[in-house]
Amino acid sequence: MDLYEELPGSQLLFDPEFETFLEALNANKVTCVDFLTLKAPDLAKLSQRSINEVIRFQQRLIREYDAQYNSNSTKPLAKQIPNKQFTTGDLGIDEVLGGGISTNCITEIFGESSTGKSQLLMQLCLSVQLPISEGGLNAKCVFITTEGDLPTNRLAGMIEARKDWQELGISQSNIFTVSCPDLISQEHIVNVQLPVLLERNKGEIKLIIIDSISHHLRVELDTKSFKDSLENKAYITEMAEKLQGIATKHSVAIVVANQVGDKPLNENLDPYNLNVNDLEYQLGWLVGWKNSTILYRQTIQQIGFQKQQVIASNADSILSDDEDYMLVEEQVRRIKREEDGEKFVESGIGGSTSALARGEVEEADNKLTELKPRKNNSVKKTIKRKMDHRVPNLGLTWANYVSTRILLKKSYAASPMIRRGELKKYKGSDTSDFWQVKRLLKVVYSSFCTPEEINFKITKCGVESV
């Protein structure tokens, strides 16, 4: 029977009187709709149980449905608890977010692997414990993990690195945590265990974290047919409404991490004029793409794939130059030319015929030609930045319930050694030293602030703006 899906909090599920009765309903595939639409004699035949037992179960089920309907009645906005905000633990990030993380709504943090999503979430479960005078809510947190256990060692390190937080009583003991090994466990925790925990600790919990919301969904939900897609959409809608209902009812902030997928360039053979109301037109702004990527995709879409080769140079001019990559390449090429020049001198080119004697005349001439300075009218090779192609999972259905969407990005810029032109002094062999990590936090959209972005770094203390 689908009683758990229809009424997850039904007391009939835990009543010993109906334990064998529910087993019979499952065996005979009797649904809740049957109990709401059919008469008792018909239900007795379907379930192969006594009519008295059917009547008792049917009456209690109808009462529970009535209670749920009355509890979901429309409430005036005046009775809604106003939103509160708490600090992220960093003033720069708070300013970008319009004051911090808000309660009564869903905040999404998405990005590729190793961009710092879990680091920021762990910092939030500590900052919410701060006193109200320090920007917190003096509250506890629930941390639901789907990809492993909560890294308590990292939390301990963050607390230890912030002596002022230790003095204010910030502790891991104020964090409720549970791990979901599969989608069924995640569903049961969100629908049953979490509401019970919030009721038992009424007013004490102000933050619920799920890391990550889409991990089990993208693995376990079928996408083989259009029917599967419709069912997945309904499932995501139900899940989002449940989370939004919890946030509103208990005045808590729900912050979730979301994974990303690829959105390849649509290589249509025929041009297609995008309308401003099309999702394909609006997608770039909903997922935090650069303006150059948005314009490039729209241009390619409208000219058609067959004509792309004809005006490829014009389309590519939309994308910004990757100045850091070109700077590193230029430094490496310059050092290589200098080293090759020294080798030619040492081998006696110009003063000795050892190279020529080995029949390397053509090779030597070519290498010497490469050592000549470029002419002023020579064209320097231009390298473009990679086009954005990552989108958060769960699609527009989920995005409609997200009040604040935050993108975390990790890229690489030329290291200070490269920028100072000191590559020649480098004696190592690891090319990763040519680069330095650059992290970006971007508010894609929010109900509480305008889209902004800020650079940050990950330290012992957690996430800090720079």
Protein backbone atom coordinates (compact mmCIF):
# COMPACT_ATOMS: atom_id res chain seq x y z
CA MET A 1 0.00 0.00 0.00
CA ASP A 2 1.18 3.53 -0.76
CA LEU A 3 0.28 4.87 2.69
CA TYR A 4 3.87 5.92 3.44
CA GLU A 5 4.10 7.93 0.20
CA GLU A 6 0.72 9.62 0.72
CA LEU A 7 0.86 10.17 4.51
CA PRO A 8 4.45 9.73 5.76
CA GLY A 9 3.46 10.73 9.29
CA SER A 10 0.42 8.46 9.53
CA GLN A 11 -0.02 6.74 12.89
CA LEU A 12 -1.54 3.76 11.09
CA LEU A 13 1.95 2.81 9.95
CA PHE A 14 3.01 2.17 13.54
CA ASP A 15 -0.21 0.74 14.97
CA PRO A 16 0.24 -2.97 15.88
CA GLU A 17 -3.48 -3.52 15.32
CA PHE A 18 -3.08 -2.98 11.58
CA GLU A 19 0.32 -4.59 11.05
CA THR A 20 -0.98 -7.72 9.35
CA PHE A 21 -3.75 -5.71 7.70
CA LEU A 22 -1.18 -3.47 5.95
CA GLU A 23 0.71 -6.56 4.79
CA ALA A 24 -2.49 -7.85 3.20
CA LEU A 25 -3.07 -4.51 1.49
CA ASN A 26 0.45 -4.57 0.07
CA ALA A 27 0.02 -8.12 -1.16
CA ASN A 28 -3.27 -7.26 -2.89
CA LYS A 29 -2.04 -3.86 -4.16
CA VAL A 30 -4.78 -1.82 -2.51
CA THR A 31 -4.05 1.93 -2.54
CA CYS A 32 -5.11 4.93 -0.47
CA VAL A 33 -7.24 6.12 -3.38
CA ASP A 34 -9.18 2.86 -3.18
CA PHE A 35 -9.98 3.52 0.48
CA LEU A 36 -11.14 7.05 -0.33
CA THR A 37 -13.34 6.09 -3.28
CA LEU A 38 -14.65 2.55 -2.68
CA LYS A 39 -17.16 1.24 -0.17
CA ALA A 40 -16.25 -1.12 2.66
CA PRO A 41 -17.71 -4.33 1.08
CA ASP A 42 -15.68 -3.76 -2.10
CA LEU A 43 -12.54 -3.08 -0.09
CA ALA A 44 -13.07 -6.26 1.93
CA LYS A 45 -13.13 -8.27 -1.29
CA LEU A 46 -9.99 -6.56 -2.64
CA SER A 47 -8.01 -6.92 0.57
CA GLN A 48 -9.46 -10.31 1.55
CA ARG A 49 -9.97 -9.07 5.12
CA SER A 50 -13.02 -8.76 7.37
CA ILE A 51 -15.39 -5.87 6.72
CA ASN A 52 -15.17 -4.68 10.33
CA GLU A 53 -11.40 -4.36 10.08
CA VAL A 54 -11.74 -2.51 6.78
CA ILE A 55 -14.26 -0.04 8.26
CA ARG A 56 -12.03 0.77 11.26
CA PHE A 57 -9.02 1.36 9.03
CA GLN A 58 -10.99 3.40 6.50
CA GLN A 59 -12.47 5.70 9.16
CA ARG A 60 -9.08 6.43 10.71
CA LEU A 61 -7.49 7.00 7.32
CA ILE A 62 -10.18 9.51 6.33
CA ARG A 63 -9.72 11.37 9.63
CA GLU A 64 -5.98 11.63 9.01
CA TYR A 65 -6.59 12.97 5.50
CA ASP A 66 -9.02 15.56 6.90
CA ALA A 67 -6.46 16.60 9.51
CA GLN A 68 -3.79 17.01 6.85
CA TYR A 69 -6.12 19.05 4.66
CA ASN A 70 -7.00 21.39 7.53
CA SER A 71 -3.35 21.81 8.50
CA ASN A 72 -2.52 22.83 4.92
CA SER A 73 -5.16 25.55 4.79
CA THR A 74 -4.13 29.00 3.59
CA LYS A 75 -2.72 31.25 6.30
CA PRO A 76 -2.60 35.06 6.21
CA LEU A 77 0.84 36.50 5.51
CA ALA A 78 0.58 38.58 8.68
CA LYS A 79 1.00 35.42 10.75
CA GLN A 80 4.16 34.36 8.93
CA ILE A 81 7.31 34.61 11.03
CA PRO A 82 9.62 37.25 9.53
CA ASN A 83 12.93 36.18 8.04
CA LYS A 84 16.06 36.33 10.13
CA GLN A 85 19.64 36.33 8.94
CA PHE A 86 22.81 34.96 10.45
CA THR A 87 26.44 35.50 9.52
CA THR A 88 28.46 33.15 7.36
CA GLY A 89 31.47 33.82 9.56
CA ASP A 90 32.99 36.27 7.08
CA LEU A 91 32.00 39.93 6.74
CA GLY A 92 32.87 40.12 3.04
CA ILE A 93 30.65 37.17 2.14
CA ASP A 94 27.89 38.53 4.40
CA GLU A 95 27.94 41.81 2.47
CA VAL A 96 27.65 40.02 -0.87
CA LEU A 97 24.68 37.99 0.44
CA GLY A 98 22.89 41.07 1.73
CA GLY A 99 23.52 40.30 5.39
CA GLY A 100 24.05 36.54 5.54
CA ILE A 101 21.96 33.37 5.28
CA SER A 102 18.19 33.85 5.62
CA THR A 103 15.70 31.65 7.45
CA ASN A 104 12.28 30.53 6.13
CA CYS A 105 13.75 29.69 2.73
CA ILE A 106 16.07 27.41 0.75
CA THR A 107 19.62 28.45 -0.11
CA GLU A 108 21.56 26.43 -2.67
CA ILE A 109 25.35 26.25 -2.95
CA PHE A 110 26.51 24.55 -6.14
CA GLY A 111 29.75 24.04 -7.99
CA GLU A 112 32.20 21.45 -9.23
CA SER A 113 34.13 19.11 -6.98
CA SER A 114 36.74 20.69 -4.65
CA THR A 115 35.35 24.21 -5.03
CA GLY A 116 34.70 24.55 -1.28
CA LYS A 117 31.01 23.69 -0.90
CA SER A 118 31.43 21.43 2.13
CA GLN A 119 33.89 23.87 3.70
CA LEU A 120 31.33 26.67 3.56
CA LEU A 121 28.56 24.40 4.88
CA MET A 122 30.68 23.35 7.85
CA GLN A 123 31.43 26.98 8.60
CA LEU A 124 27.70 27.77 8.57
CA CYS A 125 26.89 25.03 11.08
CA LEU A 126 29.32 26.77 13.45
CA SER A 127 28.42 30.40 12.74
CA VAL A 128 24.71 29.81 13.40
CA GLN A 129 25.66 28.99 17.01
CA LEU A 130 27.07 32.47 17.57
CA PRO A 131 25.14 34.80 19.91
CA ILE A 132 22.72 37.20 18.26
CA SER A 133 25.01 40.09 19.21
CA GLU A 134 27.78 38.45 17.13
CA GLY A 135 25.57 37.90 14.07
CA GLY A 136 24.44 34.35 14.82
CA LEU A 137 21.12 32.94 15.99
CA ASN A 138 22.35 31.21 19.16
CA ALA A 139 20.93 28.00 17.72
CA LYS A 140 21.74 24.41 16.84
CA CYS A 141 22.15 22.81 13.43
CA VAL A 142 21.17 19.60 11.62
CA PHE A 143 23.77 18.33 9.14
CA ILE A 144 22.53 15.62 6.74
CA THR A 145 25.25 14.01 4.63
CA THR A 146 24.74 11.84 1.56
CA GLU A 147 28.33 11.24 0.43
CA GLY A 148 29.94 10.08 3.67
CA ASP A 149 30.18 10.99 7.32
CA LEU A 150 30.54 14.53 8.63
CA PRO A 151 34.28 15.41 8.76
CA THR A 152 34.46 16.12 12.48
CA ASN A 153 38.24 16.52 12.42
CA ARG A 154 37.92 19.46 10.06
CA LEU A 155 35.23 21.01 12.26
CA ALA A 156 37.48 20.63 15.30
CA GLY A 157 40.29 22.32 13.40
CA MET A 158 38.07 25.26 12.42
CA ILE A 159 36.95 25.74 16.02
CA GLU A 160 40.50 25.50 17.30
CA ALA A 161 41.68 28.09 14.76
CA ARG A 162 39.05 30.58 15.96
CA LYS A 163 39.82 31.25 19.60
CA ASP A 164 37.06 33.85 19.85
CA TRP A 165 34.49 31.24 18.80
CA GLN A 166 35.74 28.84 21.45
CA GLU A 167 35.21 31.50 24.10
CA LEU A 168 31.63 31.96 22.88
CA GLY A 169 30.87 28.26 23.37
CA ILE A 170 30.83 27.13 19.73
CA SER A 171 30.92 23.34 19.82
CA GLN A 172 30.26 20.24 17.74
CA SER A 173 27.84 19.10 20.43
CA ASN A 174 25.31 21.57 18.99
CA ILE A 175 25.29 19.76 15.64
CA PHE A 176 22.89 16.89 14.92
CA THR A 177 24.24 14.75 12.10
CA VAL A 178 23.02 11.73 10.15
CA SER A 179 24.25 10.00 7.00
CA CYS A 180 21.99 8.81 4.17
CA PRO A 181 23.37 5.76 2.33
CA ASP A 182 20.59 5.77 -0.29
CA LEU A 183 17.57 7.66 -1.56
CA ILE A 184 15.08 5.77 0.61
CA SER A 185 17.00 6.76 3.73
CA GLN A 186 17.18 10.36 2.59
CA GLU A 187 13.44 10.43 1.96
CA HIS A 188 12.64 8.91 5.36
CA ILE A 189 14.93 11.33 7.19
CA VAL A 190 13.48 14.41 5.49
CA ASN A 191 9.84 13.33 5.71
CA VAL A 192 9.74 11.62 9.11
CA GLN A 193 12.80 11.95 11.33
CA LEU A 194 13.58 15.61 10.65
CA PRO A 195 10.08 16.94 11.54
CA VAL A 196 10.11 14.87 14.74
CA LEU A 197 13.53 16.25 15.71
CA LEU A 198 12.39 19.82 15.08
CA GLU A 199 9.30 19.32 17.24
CA ARG A 200 11.34 17.86 20.10
CA ASN A 201 13.82 20.75 19.93
CA LYS A 202 11.31 23.46 19.15
CA GLY A 203 12.98 26.81 18.56
CA GLU A 204 16.48 25.48 19.24
CA ILE A 205 17.36 24.40 15.69
CA LYS A 206 17.66 27.17 13.10
CA LEU A 207 19.76 25.60 10.34
CA ILE A 208 19.35 22.42 8.29
CA ILE A 209 22.15 21.44 5.92
CA ILE A 210 21.98 18.73 3.25
CA ASP A 211 25.25 17.81 1.54
CA SER A 212 24.31 17.10 -1.16
CA ILE A 213 20.68 17.21 -2.23
CA SER A 214 21.14 15.58 -5.66
CA HIS A 215 23.71 12.85 -4.97
CA HIS A 216 21.24 9.95 -4.66
CA LEU A 217 18.63 11.47 -6.97
CA ARG A 218 20.80 11.51 -10.07
CA VAL A 219 21.94 7.93 -9.43
CA GLU A 220 18.71 6.20 -8.45
CA LEU A 221 16.01 8.01 -10.43
CA ASP A 222 15.31 6.46 -13.83
CA THR A 223 15.49 8.66 -16.93
CA LYS A 224 14.83 6.12 -19.66
CA SER A 225 11.54 7.52 -20.92
CA PHE A 226 9.41 10.64 -20.98
CA LYS A 227 7.19 9.09 -18.31
CA ASP A 228 10.23 8.71 -16.05
CA SER A 229 11.04 12.38 -16.56
CA LEU A 230 7.53 13.41 -15.54
CA GLU A 231 7.68 11.20 -12.45
CA ASN A 232 11.09 12.63 -11.53
CA LYS A 233 9.75 16.14 -11.90
CA ALA A 234 6.85 15.31 -9.59
CA TYR A 235 9.23 13.74 -7.08
CA ILE A 236 11.53 16.78 -7.06
CA THR A 237 8.54 19.10 -6.68
CA GLU A 238 7.24 17.10 -3.72
CA MET A 239 10.67 17.09 -2.09
CA ALA A 240 11.16 20.83 -2.59
CA GLU A 241 7.70 21.63 -1.22
CA LYS A 242 8.43 19.48 1.82
CA LEU A 243 11.69 21.33 2.51
CA GLN A 244 10.08 24.71 1.95
CA GLY A 245 7.25 23.74 4.30
CA ILE A 246 9.74 22.76 7.00
CA ALA A 247 11.62 26.04 6.56
CA THR A 248 8.45 28.10 6.89
CA LYS A 249 6.79 26.12 9.69
CA HIS A 250 9.84 25.99 11.96
CA SER A 251 11.48 29.26 10.82
CA VAL A 252 14.74 27.56 9.91
CA ALA A 253 17.26 28.13 7.15
CA ILE A 254 17.71 25.22 4.77
CA VAL A 255 21.06 25.27 2.98
CA VAL A 256 21.82 22.52 0.48
CA ALA A 257 24.82 21.66 -1.66
CA ASN A 258 24.10 20.68 -5.24
CA GLN A 259 26.26 18.89 -7.77
CA VAL A 260 26.63 19.94 -11.39
CA GLY A 261 26.27 18.37 -14.80
CA ASP A 262 27.26 19.27 -18.36
CA LYS A 263 25.26 21.42 -20.75
CA PRO A 264 26.93 20.92 -24.15
CA LEU A 265 26.52 23.44 -26.92
CA ASN A 266 23.42 22.62 -28.97
CA GLU A 267 24.74 21.88 -32.45
CA ASN A 268 21.55 22.45 -34.43
CA LEU A 269 21.89 22.17 -38.19
CA ASP A 270 19.34 24.92 -38.73
CA PRO A 271 19.35 28.34 -37.06
CA TYR A 272 16.86 28.88 -34.29
CA ASN A 273 15.70 32.29 -33.13
CA LEU A 274 15.61 32.28 -29.35
CA ASN A 275 12.77 34.03 -27.60
CA VAL A 276 13.37 35.83 -24.32
CA ASN A 277 10.81 33.51 -22.71
CA ASP A 278 12.69 30.36 -23.77
CA LEU A 279 14.57 28.51 -21.05
CA GLU A 280 17.50 28.12 -23.44
CA TYR A 281 17.72 31.92 -23.62
CA GLN A 282 17.46 32.48 -19.86
CA LEU A 283 19.56 29.50 -18.73
CA GLY A 284 22.89 31.30 -18.58
CA TRP A 285 21.64 33.85 -16.06
CA LEU A 286 19.98 31.13 -13.95
CA VAL A 287 23.21 29.15 -13.53
CA GLY A 288 25.81 31.92 -13.26
CA TRP A 289 27.56 31.74 -16.63
CA LYS A 290 29.81 34.56 -17.78
CA ASN A 291 28.20 37.11 -20.09
CA SER A 292 30.62 36.13 -22.86
CA THR A 293 29.48 32.50 -22.64
CA ILE A 294 25.81 33.49 -22.75
CA LEU A 295 26.29 35.70 -25.82
CA TYR A 296 28.47 33.11 -27.55
CA ARG A 297 25.91 30.33 -27.08
CA GLN A 298 23.05 32.54 -28.24
CA THR A 299 25.03 33.62 -31.31
CA ILE A 300 25.94 30.05 -32.31
CA GLN A 301 22.34 28.97 -31.74
CA GLN A 302 20.95 31.65 -34.00
CA ILE A 303 23.39 31.30 -36.92
CA GLY A 304 23.05 27.52 -37.14
CA PHE A 305 25.76 24.89 -36.85
CA GLN A 306 26.38 24.68 -40.62
CA LYS A 307 27.42 28.32 -40.75
CA GLN A 308 29.58 28.21 -37.63
CA GLN A 309 32.76 27.46 -39.58
CA VAL A 310 32.17 30.43 -41.86
CA ILE A 311 32.02 33.02 -39.10
CA ALA A 312 33.93 31.13 -36.41
CA SER A 313 36.39 33.97 -36.00
CA ASN A 314 33.60 36.48 -35.36
CA ALA A 315 31.91 34.19 -32.83
CA ASP A 316 35.20 33.43 -31.06
CA SER A 317 35.84 37.15 -30.66
CA ILE A 318 32.98 37.17 -28.15
CA LEU A 319 34.93 34.96 -25.74
CA SER A 320 37.48 36.70 -23.54
CA ASP A 321 41.22 36.07 -23.88
CA ASP A 322 42.89 33.73 -21.42
CA GLU A 323 45.64 36.17 -20.48
CA ASP A 324 47.02 33.99 -17.69
CA TYR A 325 47.49 30.97 -19.94
CA MET A 326 49.12 33.09 -22.63
CA LEU A 327 51.44 34.66 -20.05
CA VAL A 328 52.59 31.26 -18.79
CA GLU A 329 53.03 30.00 -22.34
CA GLU A 330 55.03 33.06 -23.30
CA GLN A 331 57.32 32.68 -20.28
CA VAL A 332 57.91 28.99 -20.99
CA ARG A 333 58.60 29.63 -24.68
CA ARG A 334 61.04 32.42 -23.87
CA ILE A 335 62.99 30.25 -21.42
CA LYS A 336 62.98 27.40 -23.96
CA ARG A 337 64.38 29.67 -26.67
CA GLU A 338 67.10 30.93 -24.35
CA GLU A 339 68.05 27.38 -23.33
CA ASP A 340 68.13 26.23 -26.96
CA GLY A 341 70.31 29.21 -27.84
CA GLU A 342 72.81 28.31 -25.12
CA LYS A 343 72.91 24.72 -26.35
CA PHE A 344 73.68 25.87 -29.89
CA VAL A 345 76.53 28.03 -28.65
CA GLU A 346 77.95 25.20 -26.55
CA SER A 347 77.71 22.75 -29.46
CA GLY A 348 79.80 25.11 -31.62
CA ILE A 349 77.28 26.37 -34.14
CA GLY A 350 78.95 29.25 -35.97
CA GLY A 351 82.42 28.29 -34.71
CA SER A 352 82.48 24.51 -35.16
CA THR A 353 81.15 22.11 -37.76
CA SER A 354 80.27 19.29 -35.34
CA ALA A 355 76.54 19.70 -35.85
CA LEU A 356 76.88 20.09 -39.58
CA ALA A 357 79.10 17.04 -39.77
CA ARG A 358 76.28 14.90 -38.41
CA GLY A 359 74.02 15.96 -41.28
CA GLU A 360 71.86 18.28 -39.13
CA VAL A 361 72.17 21.34 -41.32
CA GLU A 362 68.44 21.72 -41.92
CA GLU A 363 67.52 21.12 -38.27
CA ALA A 364 70.12 23.60 -37.05
CA ASP A 365 68.93 26.25 -39.51
CA ASN A 366 65.35 25.78 -38.39
CA LYS A 367 66.23 26.12 -34.72
CA LEU A 368 68.35 29.19 -35.37
CA THR A 369 65.44 30.71 -37.25
CA GLU A 370 63.21 30.16 -34.23
CA LEU A 371 65.70 32.10 -32.09
CA LYS A 372 65.31 35.22 -34.22
CA PRO A 373 63.05 37.90 -32.74
CA ARG A 374 59.59 38.16 -34.19
CA LYS A 375 58.81 40.92 -36.58
CA ASN A 376 56.55 43.70 -35.42
CA ASN A 377 53.83 42.64 -37.84
CA SER A 378 53.78 39.02 -36.59
CA VAL A 379 50.48 37.84 -35.17
CA LYS A 380 50.57 36.60 -31.58
CA LYS A 381 48.60 33.44 -30.92
CA THR A 382 45.44 34.20 -28.95
CA ILE A 383 43.99 31.65 -26.55
CA LYS A 384 40.38 32.01 -25.42
CA ARG A 385 39.00 31.19 -22.02
CA LYS A 386 36.98 28.02 -21.78
CA MET A 387 33.27 28.41 -22.28
CA ASP A 388 31.04 27.73 -19.25
CA HIS A 389 29.15 24.46 -19.57
CA ARG A 390 28.27 23.42 -16.00
CA VAL A 391 24.69 23.59 -14.70
CA PRO A 392 23.31 22.59 -11.28
CA ASN A 393 21.37 19.34 -11.12
CA LEU A 394 17.58 18.97 -10.68
CA GLY A 395 16.73 21.57 -13.31
CA LEU A 396 14.18 24.37 -13.35
CA THR A 397 11.74 22.38 -11.21
CA TRP A 398 14.09 22.64 -8.24
CA ALA A 399 15.32 26.16 -9.06
CA ASN A 400 11.80 27.54 -8.65
CA TYR A 401 11.98 26.76 -4.92
CA VAL A 402 15.47 28.19 -4.34
CA SER A 403 15.48 31.70 -2.87
CA THR A 404 19.24 32.21 -3.05
CA ARG A 405 21.56 30.41 -5.46
CA ILE A 406 25.30 30.61 -4.79
CA LEU A 407 27.95 29.45 -7.25
CA LEU A 408 31.44 28.45 -6.09
CA LYS A 409 34.14 28.32 -8.77
CA LYS A 410 37.75 27.24 -8.75
CA SER A 411 40.09 28.42 -11.49
CA TYR A 412 43.80 28.98 -11.95
CA ALA A 413 45.73 32.20 -12.51
CA ALA A 414 49.39 32.75 -13.30
CA SER A 415 51.49 32.56 -10.14
CA PRO A 416 53.37 35.63 -8.82
CA MET A 417 56.61 34.04 -10.07
CA ILE A 418 55.24 34.07 -13.61
CA ARG A 419 53.86 37.60 -13.33
CA ARG A 420 57.23 38.89 -12.12
CA GLY A 421 59.00 37.16 -15.01
CA GLU A 422 61.14 35.04 -12.68
CA LEU A 423 60.54 31.66 -14.30
CA LYS A 424 64.22 31.43 -15.23
CA LYS A 425 65.11 31.26 -11.53
CA TYR A 426 62.79 28.29 -10.96
CA LYS A 427 64.76 25.07 -10.48
CA GLY A 428 61.87 22.66 -9.88
CA SER A 429 60.08 20.37 -12.33
CA ASP A 430 56.46 20.68 -11.16
CA THR A 431 54.46 22.78 -13.62
CA SER A 432 51.70 23.27 -11.03
CA ASP A 433 53.99 25.87 -9.45
CA PHE A 434 53.29 28.07 -12.47
CA TRP A 435 49.70 28.52 -11.27
CA GLN A 436 47.86 29.70 -8.18
CA VAL A 437 44.34 28.72 -7.19
CA LYS A 438 41.66 31.38 -7.58
CA ARG A 439 38.31 30.80 -5.87
CA LEU A 440 35.14 32.77 -6.55
CA LEU A 441 31.81 32.99 -4.71
CA LYS A 442 29.04 34.35 -6.91
CA VAL A 443 25.45 35.12 -5.95
CA VAL A 444 23.61 34.03 -9.09
CA TYR A 445 20.21 35.26 -7.89
CA SER A 446 18.59 35.99 -4.56
CA SER A 447 15.40 37.36 -3.03
CA PHE A 448 17.47 39.42 -0.61
CA CYS A 449 20.29 40.98 -2.65
CA THR A 450 21.51 41.79 -6.13
CA PRO A 451 23.90 39.43 -7.96
CA GLU A 452 27.43 40.02 -6.67
CA GLU A 453 30.67 38.06 -6.47
CA ILE A 454 33.75 37.94 -4.29
CA ASN A 455 37.02 36.03 -4.23
CA PHE A 456 37.77 33.79 -1.27
CA LYS A 457 40.32 31.36 0.07
CA ILE A 458 40.16 28.28 2.30
CA THR A 459 42.26 28.48 5.46
CA LYS A 460 42.44 26.75 8.82
CA CYS A 461 39.64 29.03 9.99
CA GLY A 462 37.39 28.05 7.10
CA VAL A 463 36.25 30.20 4.17
CA GLU A 464 37.61 33.76 4.13
CA SER A 465 37.04 36.50 1.55
CA VAL A 466 40.03 38.19 -0.07
